[in-house]
């Protein structure tokens, strides 16, 4: 009976301890600049693993916020990404500035993947990937599929490498120019449905790559995600993305069509400096929040860093979202219609550029629509009556009233909808505009 009581006390203690860790932000200090980049969790140590761009080491951060060195190796330089899986620690290494030591090959020439036994810290495998693609290199992230094959992104070259189990590395895909604008391939994840998702930071896009056909498709997003960085596919199947430009924060992305398209369901943007990596611990999402002043080369006395728990803020909870016009994705429908869309929880704003002769066919929707013609001339057939609308004029179209647009001059049209439009409309997957304007 006493043994049973002691066992119950131990179980309760473990449950309480685990619960106390949930949704907890960890702040930690180091004596010298760390320039932390990669983030993973080690169950064996019950602590986070953090990589350094400058020290050539991997550190441990426990739940008390204490940092200590976990692993050093002569082949370490700037450590860009970490992953823990099946008792192994996967490490990507480069030669970025401001690394403390630089290999003889020179800056942006090293592209190294190393695999360790996490319990013994023994080096199991070592790959230098720079010989498989000629160009500058900056390995950024990696994904591991269900068979143990490894895929690595290169932020300086438009390629994803594959290291098959028991085989030699090779270039798995090379992105076409239309999808590799500015290169900038960063975060990558494996999806159990048989594909990879990768983020292009400079283009603000998300791409989907089939593991069988290697076919590459761009995921249609509700808004451009310039500065997209770390990615995580959670155990629940939700995608988390760190962003480091005007929409700085961590976003939870949802897809209802197997990532043919996706939209932001929730975000955390309060107190965000620079998000470098995202990981999951017991169902809670954590991300590495790095001071921007250190990234910009400042050398403060105190080197303070944070591993922050993701606390979802949904649009219906007064999420303040700031957009730059240049960051909004332009969607093109045929040859005569293009638009940019700003979604929110309560309404939708759409800005159209319509060429003379464009036609928006007869349709209706449950939202009220306010149309403002900033310049140009259109004929609108609304409720069976014709209305001419020219520069500076408005038209309010009640919900569920059929309307049709004929563009008589090149026109800029600003439409406001309340409540918000359907996600298929926001994502541009509605086909009727394409079919009318070729």
Foldseek 3Di string as FASTA:
>chain_A
DVVVVVVVVVVVVVVVVVVVLFQDKAKAWDQFAFCWFEWEADPVVQFIWTHGQAPQFIWTQHSNRYIDTDDHDPPAWGWAYWDDDDQKIKIWHAADPPYNDGDPVDHQQWTKIWMARSVVRHTDDIDTCSVQDPDGFDWHYWEAAPQGKIWIATQGAQFIWIDDVVDHIHTLDGDDCVPCPSNQWAAKYDDNVAWMWIARQQFQWIWIAGNPPRDIDTQQELWRQHQWHYWDQDPVRWIWIAGDDQQGWIFIWDDPPVRSYIYTFWTDDPPAAGWNYWYDDPHWIWTKGAHVCVVVPDTDSIHMTMTGTDDTDGLVNVDDGDDDPVRGDWDDAADFKIWTKDAGQWKIKIKMWGAAFAKDAKDFAQWKKKKAWQAAWKWKQWQNDIDIHGHGDIDIHHHPIIMMIHGHHGTIMMMMIGGYDDVCVSSVVDRRRNVGHD
